[in-house]
N, C-alpha and C. Protein backbone atom coordinates (compact mmCIF):
# COMPACT_ATOMS: atom_id res chain seq x y z
N MET A 1 338.40 -130.64 -37.12
CA MET A 1 338.45 -129.08 -36.99
C MET A 1 337.10 -128.49 -36.70
N ARG A 2 336.03 -129.79 -36.37
CA ARG A 2 334.98 -128.63 -35.56
C ARG A 2 335.50 -129.05 -33.82
N GLY A 3 336.51 -130.09 -34.07
CA GLY A 3 336.57 -129.60 -32.43
C GLY A 3 337.68 -128.39 -32.18
N ARG A 4 338.67 -127.87 -32.60
CA ARG A 4 338.89 -126.98 -32.75
C ARG A 4 338.09 -125.53 -32.92
N MET A 5 337.42 -125.53 -33.73
CA MET A 5 336.13 -124.54 -33.90
C MET A 5 335.21 -124.52 -32.02
N VAL A 6 334.93 -125.38 -31.63
CA VAL A 6 334.20 -125.82 -30.27
C VAL A 6 335.68 -124.69 -29.25
N LEU A 7 336.63 -125.32 -29.00
CA LEU A 7 337.87 -125.05 -28.59
C LEU A 7 337.27 -123.35 -28.27
N ARG A 8 338.14 -122.97 -29.64
CA ARG A 8 338.08 -121.56 -30.10
C ARG A 8 337.25 -120.84 -29.19
N THR A 9 335.87 -121.13 -29.51
CA THR A 9 334.50 -119.97 -28.90
C THR A 9 334.32 -120.80 -27.73
N ILE A 10 335.18 -121.91 -26.64
CA ILE A 10 335.39 -121.59 -25.20
C ILE A 10 336.16 -120.93 -24.89
N ARG A 11 337.36 -120.34 -25.16
CA ARG A 11 338.21 -119.69 -25.23
C ARG A 11 337.76 -118.33 -25.28
N LEU A 12 337.05 -117.75 -25.96
CA LEU A 12 336.66 -116.61 -26.50
C LEU A 12 335.31 -116.59 -25.49
N GLY A 13 334.87 -117.43 -25.16
CA GLY A 13 334.40 -116.96 -23.83
C GLY A 13 334.57 -116.68 -22.34
N ASP A 14 335.42 -117.70 -22.12
CA ASP A 14 335.94 -117.30 -21.19
C ASP A 14 336.12 -115.82 -20.59
N TRP A 15 336.33 -114.76 -21.62
CA TRP A 15 337.02 -113.39 -21.35
C TRP A 15 335.64 -112.82 -20.72
N ASP A 16 335.63 -111.73 -19.94
CA ASP A 16 334.41 -111.47 -18.78
C ASP A 16 334.91 -109.88 -19.36
N PRO A 17 333.76 -109.54 -20.06
CA PRO A 17 334.07 -108.09 -20.69
C PRO A 17 334.14 -107.03 -19.72
N ALA A 18 333.98 -107.33 -18.73
CA ALA A 18 334.14 -106.34 -17.70
C ALA A 18 335.37 -105.97 -17.00
N ALA A 19 336.22 -108.04 -16.87
CA ALA A 19 337.58 -107.70 -16.95
C ALA A 19 338.18 -106.89 -17.77
N LEU A 20 338.36 -107.30 -18.88
CA LEU A 20 339.03 -106.75 -20.28
C LEU A 20 338.81 -105.00 -20.15
N ARG A 21 337.58 -104.42 -19.36
CA ARG A 21 337.48 -103.06 -19.57
C ARG A 21 338.48 -102.43 -18.86
N SER A 22 338.20 -102.83 -17.16
CA SER A 22 339.32 -102.73 -16.00
C SER A 22 340.34 -102.68 -16.73
N ALA A 23 340.92 -103.93 -17.11
CA ALA A 23 342.26 -104.22 -17.83
C ALA A 23 342.52 -102.99 -18.20
N GLY A 24 341.85 -102.27 -19.56
CA GLY A 24 341.96 -101.71 -20.45
C GLY A 24 342.00 -99.69 -19.79
N LEU A 25 340.82 -99.90 -18.31
CA LEU A 25 341.22 -98.30 -17.53
C LEU A 25 342.30 -98.55 -16.98
N VAL A 26 343.32 -99.62 -16.53
CA VAL A 26 344.00 -99.42 -16.33
C VAL A 26 345.70 -99.59 -17.03
N LEU A 27 345.37 -99.65 -18.01
CA LEU A 27 346.46 -99.30 -19.10
C LEU A 27 346.43 -97.91 -19.41
N CYS A 28 345.22 -97.71 -19.76
CA CYS A 28 345.59 -96.17 -19.62
C CYS A 28 345.90 -95.30 -18.60
N LEU A 29 345.20 -95.19 -17.02
CA LEU A 29 346.09 -95.15 -16.09
C LEU A 29 348.06 -95.04 -16.21
N ALA A 30 348.25 -96.35 -16.60
CA ALA A 30 349.66 -96.60 -16.39
C ALA A 30 350.36 -95.87 -17.24
N LEU A 31 349.61 -95.56 -19.08
CA LEU A 31 350.50 -94.86 -19.71
C LEU A 31 350.04 -93.41 -19.05
N GLY A 32 349.65 -93.20 -18.77
CA GLY A 32 348.91 -91.37 -18.54
C GLY A 32 350.40 -91.40 -17.87
N ALA A 33 350.72 -92.31 -16.23
CA ALA A 33 351.38 -92.26 -15.06
C ALA A 33 352.68 -91.53 -15.78
N LEU A 34 353.16 -92.63 -16.99
CA LEU A 34 354.51 -92.53 -17.72
C LEU A 34 354.52 -91.29 -18.55
N ALA A 35 353.26 -90.89 -19.62
CA ALA A 35 353.48 -89.49 -20.21
C ALA A 35 353.61 -88.28 -18.70
N GLY A 36 353.53 -88.92 -18.00
CA GLY A 36 353.48 -87.29 -16.53
C GLY A 36 354.86 -87.21 -16.02
N HIS A 37 354.82 -88.84 -15.84
CA HIS A 37 356.69 -88.75 -15.55
C HIS A 37 357.73 -88.29 -16.51
N LEU A 38 357.15 -88.54 -18.28
CA LEU A 38 358.23 -88.32 -19.21
C LEU A 38 358.29 -86.36 -19.31
N TYR A 39 357.14 -86.13 -18.91
CA TYR A 39 356.75 -85.07 -19.21
C TYR A 39 357.58 -83.77 -18.39
N ALA A 40 357.73 -84.62 -16.96
CA ALA A 40 358.39 -83.94 -16.14
C ALA A 40 359.77 -84.19 -15.81
N GLY A 41 360.14 -85.24 -16.59
CA GLY A 41 361.65 -85.20 -16.74
C GLY A 41 362.24 -84.44 -17.90
N ALA A 42 361.14 -83.87 -18.89
CA ALA A 42 361.76 -83.35 -20.24
C ALA A 42 361.62 -81.83 -19.83
N CYS A 43 361.14 -80.95 -18.57
CA CYS A 43 361.49 -79.78 -18.37
C CYS A 43 362.62 -79.63 -18.50
N GLY A 44 362.99 -78.14 -18.77
CA GLY A 44 364.15 -77.26 -18.91
C GLY A 44 364.77 -77.01 -17.63
N GLU A 45 366.01 -76.68 -17.11
CA GLU A 45 366.55 -76.30 -16.39
C GLU A 45 366.11 -75.03 -15.48
N ASP A 46 365.65 -74.27 -16.15
CA ASP A 46 364.62 -72.73 -16.11
C ASP A 46 362.90 -73.43 -15.55
N THR A 47 362.67 -73.84 -16.13
CA THR A 47 361.39 -74.57 -15.04
C THR A 47 361.83 -75.36 -14.31
N VAL A 48 362.82 -76.45 -13.84
CA VAL A 48 362.98 -77.11 -13.14
C VAL A 48 363.14 -76.13 -11.73
N ASN A 49 364.31 -75.08 -11.54
CA ASN A 49 364.45 -74.29 -10.72
C ASN A 49 363.19 -73.42 -10.35
N ALA A 50 362.21 -72.76 -11.54
CA ALA A 50 361.55 -72.44 -10.95
C ALA A 50 359.90 -73.32 -9.97
N LEU A 51 360.52 -74.14 -10.28
CA LEU A 51 359.57 -75.03 -9.52
C LEU A 51 360.13 -75.63 -8.64
N ARG A 52 361.36 -75.83 -8.19
CA ARG A 52 361.91 -76.08 -7.05
C ARG A 52 361.54 -74.55 -5.93
N ALA A 53 361.60 -73.63 -6.43
CA ALA A 53 360.98 -71.92 -6.22
C ALA A 53 360.38 -72.42 -5.00
N TYR A 54 358.77 -72.79 -5.71
CA TYR A 54 357.89 -72.89 -5.39
C TYR A 54 357.05 -73.91 -4.53
N LEU A 55 357.62 -75.10 -5.24
CA LEU A 55 357.76 -76.29 -4.34
C LEU A 55 358.60 -75.71 -2.69
N THR A 56 359.86 -75.27 -2.59
CA THR A 56 360.13 -74.80 -1.35
C THR A 56 359.27 -73.82 -0.17
N ASP A 57 358.71 -73.00 -1.14
CA ASP A 57 358.21 -71.84 -0.52
C ASP A 57 357.02 -72.63 -0.13
N TYR A 58 355.94 -73.81 -0.87
CA TYR A 58 354.89 -74.40 -0.53
C TYR A 58 355.14 -75.27 0.52
N CYS A 59 356.18 -75.97 0.55
CA CYS A 59 356.24 -76.36 1.56
C CYS A 59 356.54 -75.79 3.34
N ALA A 60 357.21 -74.93 2.76
CA ALA A 60 357.61 -74.01 3.61
C ALA A 60 356.55 -73.82 4.70
N VAL A 61 355.55 -73.01 3.75
CA VAL A 61 354.53 -72.28 4.09
C VAL A 61 353.57 -73.63 5.10
N TYR A 62 353.27 -74.60 4.17
CA TYR A 62 352.14 -75.64 4.35
C TYR A 62 352.78 -76.44 6.02
N ASP A 63 354.26 -76.65 6.21
CA ASP A 63 354.76 -76.82 7.14
C ASP A 63 354.60 -75.66 8.39
N ALA A 64 354.70 -74.55 8.08
CA ALA A 64 353.88 -73.88 8.97
C ALA A 64 352.76 -73.31 9.71
N GLY A 65 352.26 -74.30 8.74
CA GLY A 65 350.08 -74.44 9.28
C GLY A 65 349.59 -73.31 8.33
N GLY A 66 350.29 -72.92 7.87
CA GLY A 66 349.62 -71.43 7.06
C GLY A 66 348.69 -71.79 5.51
N ALA A 67 349.14 -73.41 5.14
CA ALA A 67 348.63 -73.65 3.85
C ALA A 67 347.53 -74.83 4.24
N GLY A 68 346.39 -75.01 2.84
CA GLY A 68 345.68 -76.19 3.25
C GLY A 68 344.82 -76.15 2.36
N THR A 69 344.60 -77.45 2.01
CA THR A 69 343.41 -77.12 0.80
C THR A 69 342.12 -76.33 1.54
N SER A 70 341.10 -75.55 0.72
CA SER A 70 340.10 -75.56 0.94
C SER A 70 338.82 -76.29 0.68
N LEU A 71 337.85 -76.34 1.14
CA LEU A 71 336.55 -77.06 1.04
C LEU A 71 335.86 -77.45 -0.43
N LEU A 72 336.06 -76.13 -0.86
CA LEU A 72 335.89 -76.39 -2.58
C LEU A 72 336.76 -77.28 -3.31
N SER A 73 338.19 -76.78 -3.16
CA SER A 73 339.26 -77.36 -3.99
C SER A 73 339.19 -78.75 -3.45
N CYS A 74 338.66 -79.22 -2.13
CA CYS A 74 338.75 -80.53 -1.88
C CYS A 74 337.61 -81.32 -2.59
N ALA A 75 336.58 -80.52 -2.73
CA ALA A 75 335.55 -80.99 -3.65
C ALA A 75 335.28 -81.20 -5.10
N VAL A 76 336.61 -80.03 -5.26
CA VAL A 76 336.62 -80.57 -7.14
C VAL A 76 337.50 -81.63 -7.09
N LEU A 77 338.90 -81.70 -6.16
CA LEU A 77 339.39 -82.69 -6.40
C LEU A 77 339.00 -84.06 -6.42
N TYR A 78 337.89 -84.22 -5.15
CA TYR A 78 337.65 -85.69 -4.61
C TYR A 78 336.19 -85.82 -6.02
N PHE A 79 335.00 -84.90 -6.32
CA PHE A 79 334.25 -85.05 -6.95
C PHE A 79 334.06 -85.45 -8.29
N GLY A 80 335.47 -84.04 -8.84
CA GLY A 80 334.96 -84.12 -10.49
C GLY A 80 335.28 -85.04 -11.11
N TYR A 81 336.62 -86.35 -11.27
CA TYR A 81 336.19 -87.44 -11.77
C TYR A 81 334.89 -88.24 -12.03
N ALA A 82 334.56 -87.75 -10.65
CA ALA A 82 333.48 -88.71 -10.32
C ALA A 82 332.24 -88.74 -11.31
N ALA A 83 331.76 -86.93 -11.21
CA ALA A 83 331.19 -85.92 -12.03
C ALA A 83 330.84 -86.30 -13.43
N ALA A 84 332.00 -86.33 -13.64
CA ALA A 84 332.86 -86.62 -15.49
C ALA A 84 332.39 -88.18 -15.50
N LEU A 85 332.60 -88.33 -15.22
CA LEU A 85 332.49 -90.40 -15.37
C LEU A 85 330.73 -90.73 -15.52
N LEU A 86 330.23 -90.12 -14.62
CA LEU A 86 328.51 -89.98 -14.31
C LEU A 86 328.35 -89.57 -15.62
N VAL A 87 328.29 -88.16 -15.90
CA VAL A 87 327.69 -87.29 -17.13
C VAL A 87 328.51 -88.31 -18.57
N LEU A 88 329.24 -88.48 -18.56
CA LEU A 88 330.03 -89.31 -20.10
C LEU A 88 329.27 -90.54 -20.24
N GLY A 89 328.89 -90.94 -19.19
CA GLY A 89 328.22 -92.39 -18.82
C GLY A 89 326.55 -92.49 -19.82
N PHE A 90 326.46 -90.95 -20.36
CA PHE A 90 325.05 -90.94 -20.87
C PHE A 90 324.98 -90.03 -22.39
N SER A 91 326.48 -90.51 -23.04
CA SER A 91 326.94 -89.65 -24.05
C SER A 91 327.89 -90.94 -24.71
N SER A 92 327.99 -90.65 -26.24
CA SER A 92 328.08 -91.87 -27.11
C SER A 92 329.80 -91.10 -27.04
N ALA A 93 330.29 -90.23 -26.54
CA ALA A 93 331.61 -89.31 -26.63
C ALA A 93 332.44 -89.97 -25.58
N GLY A 94 331.66 -90.64 -24.60
CA GLY A 94 332.37 -91.44 -23.91
C GLY A 94 333.07 -92.77 -23.99
N VAL A 95 333.25 -93.36 -24.67
CA VAL A 95 334.36 -94.14 -25.51
C VAL A 95 335.43 -93.69 -25.56
N VAL A 96 335.63 -93.09 -26.51
CA VAL A 96 337.13 -92.28 -26.15
C VAL A 96 337.69 -91.49 -24.86
N LEU A 97 336.31 -90.19 -24.24
CA LEU A 97 336.54 -89.40 -23.43
C LEU A 97 337.13 -90.49 -21.82
N ILE A 98 336.13 -91.43 -21.95
CA ILE A 98 336.78 -92.16 -20.53
C ILE A 98 338.10 -92.92 -20.03
N PRO A 99 338.39 -93.08 -21.42
CA PRO A 99 339.58 -93.70 -21.40
C PRO A 99 340.99 -92.37 -21.23
N ALA A 100 340.83 -91.13 -22.08
CA ALA A 100 341.22 -90.09 -21.98
C ALA A 100 341.49 -90.05 -20.37
N LEU A 101 340.30 -89.56 -20.34
CA LEU A 101 340.13 -88.94 -18.67
C LEU A 101 340.77 -90.21 -17.37
N ALA A 102 340.85 -91.32 -17.93
CA ALA A 102 341.60 -92.39 -17.05
C ALA A 102 343.45 -92.36 -17.30
N GLY A 103 344.17 -92.46 -18.63
CA GLY A 103 344.89 -91.44 -19.18
C GLY A 103 345.35 -90.03 -18.18
N GLY A 104 344.55 -89.21 -18.01
CA GLY A 104 344.69 -87.96 -17.60
C GLY A 104 344.87 -87.85 -15.91
N PHE A 105 344.11 -88.89 -15.12
CA PHE A 105 344.59 -89.26 -13.53
C PHE A 105 345.37 -89.60 -13.25
N GLY A 106 346.23 -90.61 -14.61
CA GLY A 106 346.99 -91.03 -14.11
C GLY A 106 348.34 -90.35 -14.38
N PHE A 107 348.24 -88.97 -15.59
CA PHE A 107 348.66 -88.31 -15.75
C PHE A 107 349.38 -87.40 -14.45
N LEU A 108 348.30 -86.60 -14.00
CA LEU A 108 348.40 -85.58 -13.13
C LEU A 108 349.16 -86.16 -11.62
N ALA A 109 348.71 -87.20 -11.31
CA ALA A 109 348.88 -88.28 -10.02
C ALA A 109 350.88 -88.27 -10.15
N MET A 110 350.92 -88.86 -11.45
CA MET A 110 352.44 -88.89 -11.29
C MET A 110 353.21 -87.93 -11.74
N TYR A 111 352.70 -86.61 -12.22
CA TYR A 111 353.60 -85.74 -12.54
C TYR A 111 353.75 -84.84 -11.26
N THR A 112 352.71 -85.12 -10.67
CA THR A 112 353.04 -84.41 -9.49
C THR A 112 353.74 -84.94 -8.48
N VAL A 113 353.98 -86.06 -8.78
CA VAL A 113 355.51 -86.84 -7.85
C VAL A 113 356.77 -86.74 -8.37
N SER A 114 356.91 -86.73 -9.97
CA SER A 114 357.78 -86.22 -10.56
C SER A 114 358.62 -84.70 -10.24
N CYS A 115 357.74 -84.16 -9.75
CA CYS A 115 357.84 -83.08 -9.79
C CYS A 115 358.63 -82.83 -8.41
N PHE A 116 357.74 -83.45 -7.41
CA PHE A 116 358.62 -83.35 -6.29
C PHE A 116 360.08 -84.15 -6.04
N VAL A 117 360.02 -85.23 -6.87
CA VAL A 117 361.17 -85.67 -6.98
C VAL A 117 362.58 -85.46 -7.57
N ARG A 118 361.88 -84.58 -8.61
CA ARG A 118 363.22 -83.72 -9.13
C ARG A 118 363.51 -82.31 -8.80
N THR A 119 362.81 -81.87 -7.87
CA THR A 119 363.02 -80.88 -6.64
C THR A 119 363.84 -81.52 -5.32
N PHE A 120 363.24 -82.32 -4.44
CA PHE A 120 363.78 -82.86 -3.35
C PHE A 120 364.68 -84.43 -3.46
N GLY A 121 364.79 -84.77 -4.71
CA GLY A 121 365.00 -86.19 -4.67
C GLY A 121 364.39 -87.48 -4.14
N ARG A 122 365.37 -88.13 -4.02
CA ARG A 122 364.14 -89.02 -3.22
C ARG A 122 363.65 -89.16 -2.32
N ALA A 123 363.51 -87.87 -1.42
CA ALA A 123 362.86 -87.68 -0.50
C ALA A 123 361.71 -86.99 -0.79
N GLY A 124 361.97 -86.94 -1.74
CA GLY A 124 360.35 -85.82 -2.70
C GLY A 124 359.37 -86.37 -2.71
N ALA A 125 359.56 -88.10 -3.11
CA ALA A 125 358.51 -89.03 -3.11
C ALA A 125 358.00 -88.94 -2.09
N VAL A 126 358.36 -89.24 -0.90
CA VAL A 126 357.94 -89.42 0.26
C VAL A 126 356.95 -88.19 1.09
N LEU A 127 357.68 -86.81 0.16
CA LEU A 127 356.84 -85.51 0.50
C LEU A 127 355.57 -85.75 -0.24
N ALA A 128 355.69 -86.44 -2.03
CA ALA A 128 354.60 -86.40 -2.10
C ALA A 128 353.74 -87.27 -1.83
N LEU A 129 354.29 -88.88 -0.97
CA LEU A 129 353.77 -89.38 -0.86
C LEU A 129 352.12 -88.81 0.52
N GLY A 130 352.58 -87.94 0.87
CA GLY A 130 351.98 -87.24 2.70
C GLY A 130 351.29 -86.44 1.66
N LEU A 131 351.15 -86.17 0.57
CA LEU A 131 350.26 -84.72 -0.41
C LEU A 131 349.21 -85.96 -0.51
N LEU A 132 349.16 -86.33 -1.25
CA LEU A 132 348.76 -87.09 -2.32
C LEU A 132 348.09 -88.82 -1.72
N ALA A 133 348.81 -89.12 -0.62
CA ALA A 133 347.98 -90.38 -0.09
C ALA A 133 346.44 -90.82 0.20
N VAL A 134 346.30 -89.81 0.98
CA VAL A 134 345.06 -89.95 1.42
C VAL A 134 343.86 -89.97 0.54
N ARG A 135 344.37 -88.81 -0.78
CA ARG A 135 343.70 -88.68 -1.52
C ARG A 135 343.08 -89.71 -2.58
N MET A 136 344.35 -90.01 -3.00
CA MET A 136 344.29 -91.63 -3.49
C MET A 136 343.68 -92.94 -3.18
N VAL A 137 343.89 -92.62 -1.81
CA VAL A 137 342.94 -93.73 -1.39
C VAL A 137 341.71 -93.96 -1.80
N PHE A 138 341.24 -92.70 -1.91
CA PHE A 138 339.93 -92.68 -2.30
C PHE A 138 339.06 -92.48 -3.36
N THR A 139 340.02 -91.38 -3.97
CA THR A 139 339.74 -91.61 -5.56
C THR A 139 340.10 -92.18 -6.17
N LEU A 140 340.80 -92.85 -6.73
CA LEU A 140 341.28 -94.27 -7.37
C LEU A 140 340.39 -95.49 -7.19
N PRO A 141 340.05 -95.70 -6.19
CA PRO A 141 339.01 -96.57 -5.99
C PRO A 141 337.66 -96.65 -6.49
N CYS A 142 337.11 -95.16 -6.42
CA CYS A 142 336.05 -94.77 -6.85
C CYS A 142 336.12 -94.76 -8.50
N PHE A 143 336.94 -93.92 -8.99
CA PHE A 143 337.22 -94.16 -10.18
C PHE A 143 336.80 -95.10 -10.82
N LEU A 144 337.80 -96.08 -10.55
CA LEU A 144 338.13 -97.41 -11.44
C LEU A 144 336.28 -97.79 -11.14
N ALA A 145 335.63 -97.82 -10.01
CA ALA A 145 334.62 -98.47 -9.76
C ALA A 145 333.07 -97.89 -10.66
N LEU A 146 333.22 -96.55 -10.82
CA LEU A 146 332.58 -95.89 -11.53
C LEU A 146 332.81 -96.15 -13.21
N ALA A 147 334.54 -96.20 -13.41
CA ALA A 147 334.65 -95.95 -14.95
C ALA A 147 333.98 -96.90 -15.51
N GLY A 148 334.19 -98.28 -15.49
CA GLY A 148 334.06 -99.77 -15.91
C GLY A 148 332.74 -99.30 -16.63
N PRO A 149 331.35 -99.05 -15.20
CA PRO A 149 329.91 -99.16 -16.01
C PRO A 149 329.56 -97.84 -17.36
N ALA A 150 330.39 -97.37 -16.32
CA ALA A 150 330.22 -95.61 -17.32
C ALA A 150 330.77 -95.97 -19.06
N TRP A 151 331.91 -96.48 -18.83
CA TRP A 151 332.40 -96.82 -19.98
C TRP A 151 331.38 -97.79 -21.29
N GLU A 152 331.01 -99.07 -20.09
CA GLU A 152 329.95 -99.57 -20.84
C GLU A 152 328.89 -99.45 -21.53
N LEU A 153 327.89 -98.51 -20.41
CA LEU A 153 327.09 -97.59 -21.16
C LEU A 153 327.33 -96.85 -22.16
N SER A 154 328.46 -96.07 -22.11
CA SER A 154 328.50 -95.15 -23.63
C SER A 154 328.71 -96.30 -24.81
N THR A 155 329.88 -97.16 -24.64
CA THR A 155 329.98 -97.97 -25.74
C THR A 155 328.40 -98.26 -26.21
N GLU A 156 327.46 -99.10 -25.71
CA GLU A 156 326.77 -99.37 -26.30
C GLU A 156 325.27 -98.07 -26.70
N LEU A 157 326.01 -97.18 -26.17
CA LEU A 157 325.29 -95.72 -26.95
C LEU A 157 326.38 -95.68 -28.00
N PHE A 158 327.41 -95.81 -28.36
CA PHE A 158 328.01 -95.85 -29.70
C PHE A 158 327.68 -96.51 -30.49
N VAL A 159 327.23 -97.72 -30.13
CA VAL A 159 327.08 -98.54 -31.03
C VAL A 159 325.49 -98.59 -31.65
N MET A 160 324.58 -98.07 -30.39
CA MET A 160 323.50 -97.71 -31.17
C MET A 160 323.26 -96.83 -31.85
N SER A 161 323.98 -95.61 -31.80
CA SER A 161 323.90 -95.00 -32.52
C SER A 161 324.48 -94.57 -33.78
N PHE A 162 325.86 -95.47 -33.91
CA PHE A 162 326.91 -94.99 -35.00
C PHE A 162 327.05 -96.77 -35.50
N GLY A 163 326.53 -97.53 -35.03
CA GLY A 163 326.40 -98.86 -35.43
C GLY A 163 325.68 -99.69 -35.76
N ARG A 164 324.71 -100.04 -35.29
CA ARG A 164 323.68 -101.29 -35.46
C ARG A 164 322.19 -100.34 -35.99
N GLY A 165 322.20 -98.89 -35.20
CA GLY A 165 321.60 -98.10 -34.91
C GLY A 165 320.10 -98.52 -34.73
N LYS A 166 319.11 -98.48 -35.28
CA LYS A 166 318.20 -98.64 -34.95
C LYS A 166 317.34 -100.09 -34.55
N ARG A 167 318.31 -100.66 -35.27
CA ARG A 167 317.94 -102.55 -34.22
C ARG A 167 318.23 -102.52 -33.53
N SER A 168 319.16 -101.64 -32.85
CA SER A 168 319.84 -102.16 -31.11
C SER A 168 318.81 -101.67 -30.04
N ALA A 169 318.61 -102.72 -29.33
CA ALA A 169 317.99 -102.48 -28.26
C ALA A 169 318.21 -101.10 -27.26
N PRO A 170 317.77 -100.73 -26.64
CA PRO A 170 317.48 -99.29 -26.16
C PRO A 170 318.72 -99.11 -24.75
N VAL A 171 319.29 -98.27 -24.46
CA VAL A 171 320.74 -98.44 -23.26
C VAL A 171 319.78 -98.14 -21.88
N GLN A 172 320.49 -99.45 -21.22
CA GLN A 172 319.32 -99.82 -19.85
C GLN A 172 320.31 -98.80 -18.80
N TYR A 173 319.84 -97.80 -18.62
CA TYR A 173 320.39 -97.22 -16.84
C TYR A 173 319.37 -98.14 -16.14
N GLY A 174 319.93 -99.31 -15.09
CA GLY A 174 319.52 -99.43 -14.27
C GLY A 174 320.00 -98.82 -12.68
N SER A 175 319.20 -99.11 -11.80
CA SER A 175 319.12 -98.20 -10.34
C SER A 175 320.91 -98.42 -10.18
N ARG A 176 321.40 -99.77 -10.49
CA ARG A 176 322.44 -100.09 -9.49
C ARG A 176 323.39 -99.03 -10.47
N TYR A 177 323.20 -98.41 -11.59
CA TYR A 177 324.34 -97.76 -11.88
C TYR A 177 324.37 -96.40 -11.05
N PHE A 178 323.16 -95.83 -10.25
CA PHE A 178 322.89 -94.59 -9.99
C PHE A 178 323.38 -95.16 -8.32
N LEU A 179 323.17 -96.32 -7.97
CA LEU A 179 323.49 -97.17 -6.00
C LEU A 179 324.91 -96.41 -6.38
N LEU A 180 325.71 -96.95 -7.35
CA LEU A 180 327.60 -97.07 -7.57
C LEU A 180 327.59 -95.64 -7.26
N PHE A 181 327.13 -94.47 -7.93
CA PHE A 181 327.63 -93.04 -8.14
C PHE A 181 326.94 -93.16 -6.84
N LEU A 182 326.33 -93.20 -6.00
CA LEU A 182 325.87 -92.96 -4.32
C LEU A 182 326.63 -93.02 -3.33
N VAL A 183 326.95 -94.50 -3.86
CA VAL A 183 327.72 -95.51 -2.68
C VAL A 183 329.03 -94.03 -2.95
N CYS A 184 329.65 -94.27 -3.84
CA CYS A 184 331.46 -93.64 -4.75
C CYS A 184 330.86 -92.03 -3.47
N ALA A 185 329.68 -91.11 -3.67
CA ALA A 185 329.67 -90.53 -3.19
C ALA A 185 329.71 -89.97 -2.04
N VAL A 186 329.38 -90.77 -1.39
CA VAL A 186 329.29 -90.94 0.26
C VAL A 186 331.08 -91.18 0.58
N VAL A 187 331.33 -92.20 -0.06
CA VAL A 187 332.93 -92.44 0.03
C VAL A 187 333.78 -91.18 -0.03
N LEU A 188 333.49 -91.03 -1.32
CA LEU A 188 334.25 -89.41 -1.26
C LEU A 188 334.49 -88.68 -0.55
N ALA A 189 332.63 -88.54 -0.13
CA ALA A 189 332.72 -86.87 0.91
C ALA A 189 333.14 -87.65 2.10
N PHE A 190 333.17 -88.45 2.68
CA PHE A 190 334.33 -89.10 3.61
C PHE A 190 335.47 -88.89 3.48
N GLY A 191 335.87 -88.90 2.20
CA GLY A 191 337.28 -88.72 1.81
C GLY A 191 338.00 -87.55 2.01
N VAL A 192 337.15 -86.46 1.56
CA VAL A 192 336.89 -85.21 1.93
C VAL A 192 337.37 -84.51 2.97
N PHE A 193 336.36 -84.94 4.29
CA PHE A 193 336.90 -85.39 5.35
C PHE A 193 338.33 -85.09 6.11
N CYS A 194 338.37 -86.21 5.24
CA CYS A 194 339.52 -87.12 5.95
C CYS A 194 341.11 -86.52 5.31
N GLU A 195 340.71 -86.16 3.96
CA GLU A 195 341.69 -85.04 3.51
C GLU A 195 341.92 -83.91 4.03
N ARG A 196 341.01 -83.20 5.00
CA ARG A 196 341.01 -81.74 5.34
C ARG A 196 341.51 -81.62 6.93
N LEU A 197 341.38 -83.24 7.20
CA LEU A 197 342.03 -83.74 8.84
C LEU A 197 343.69 -83.94 8.94
N LEU A 198 343.31 -85.19 7.95
CA LEU A 198 344.65 -85.62 8.47
C LEU A 198 346.37 -85.12 7.20
N THR A 199 345.63 -84.87 6.16
CA THR A 199 346.76 -84.27 5.11
C THR A 199 347.35 -83.30 5.85
N PRO A 200 346.83 -82.32 6.36
CA PRO A 200 348.29 -81.62 6.85
C PRO A 200 349.04 -81.89 7.91
N ALA A 201 348.18 -82.91 8.97
CA ALA A 201 349.36 -83.25 9.41
C ALA A 201 350.41 -84.32 9.03
N LEU A 202 349.63 -85.01 8.24
CA LEU A 202 350.58 -85.62 7.90
C LEU A 202 352.12 -85.28 6.83
N PHE A 203 351.36 -84.53 5.98
CA PHE A 203 352.62 -83.70 5.63
C PHE A 203 353.39 -82.76 5.96
N ARG A 204 353.00 -82.05 7.02
CA ARG A 204 353.79 -81.67 8.16
C ARG A 204 354.91 -82.38 8.56
N MET A 205 354.34 -83.76 9.20
CA MET A 205 355.20 -84.48 9.82
C MET A 205 356.33 -85.31 9.09
N ILE A 206 356.03 -85.52 7.69
CA ILE A 206 356.72 -85.93 7.29
C ILE A 206 357.96 -84.51 6.91
N ALA A 207 357.28 -83.93 6.10
CA ALA A 207 358.02 -82.32 6.01
C ALA A 207 359.25 -82.31 7.15
N ALA A 208 358.96 -82.10 8.21
CA ALA A 208 360.02 -82.25 9.64
C ALA A 208 360.85 -83.32 9.59
N GLN A 209 360.59 -83.87 8.91
CA GLN A 209 361.68 -85.39 9.01
C GLN A 209 362.55 -85.20 7.63
N VAL A 210 362.28 -84.92 6.59
CA VAL A 210 362.71 -84.99 5.21
C VAL A 210 363.41 -83.91 5.15
N LEU A 211 362.89 -82.76 5.40
CA LEU A 211 363.14 -81.41 4.98
C LEU A 211 364.39 -80.97 6.36
N ALA A 212 364.32 -81.25 7.44
CA ALA A 212 364.74 -81.28 8.51
C ALA A 212 366.52 -80.98 8.02
């Protein structure tokens, strides 16, 4: 019996909390992506027709060089999630809102892809790749890098506020947390530059091949 207890303790000790948090966030992303796909597939025929007309016009204007994401819009798309995670790391509400934010990230990304697929068929997936590839390369790793520490700190705040209360040690926000955000901010700023430089050309190149 004692040997079993020791073995169980060793097994439990092998679980890395950071790895569990990362797995939980990835699961939330996947569930959000599944929900986005199902929601896009559940749209009625009228919605699909309106969406098809909008995306067709959008692609035509974009292909002609008349459309592009403004600098302000790029900044919101790239820094919105990072700023939200930084704020939620200082709130006990982040225990629930950070996984929800991960689900929202996956939902919006997959919903966009699914809308293109419903409009253009298999070619829509390639078009969506041209539109989202650069953004996802920068935003997804930064989201996961920031969400884990923010979720940990938010959980500690939640436990301190509603769990052990005053008996808990104060939550420590070390320089590493802010340094991580600073590094991600630099990466995301470079991503905004790449978005405005590469995405229009990439999308037009793909659209010229797919929609020809």
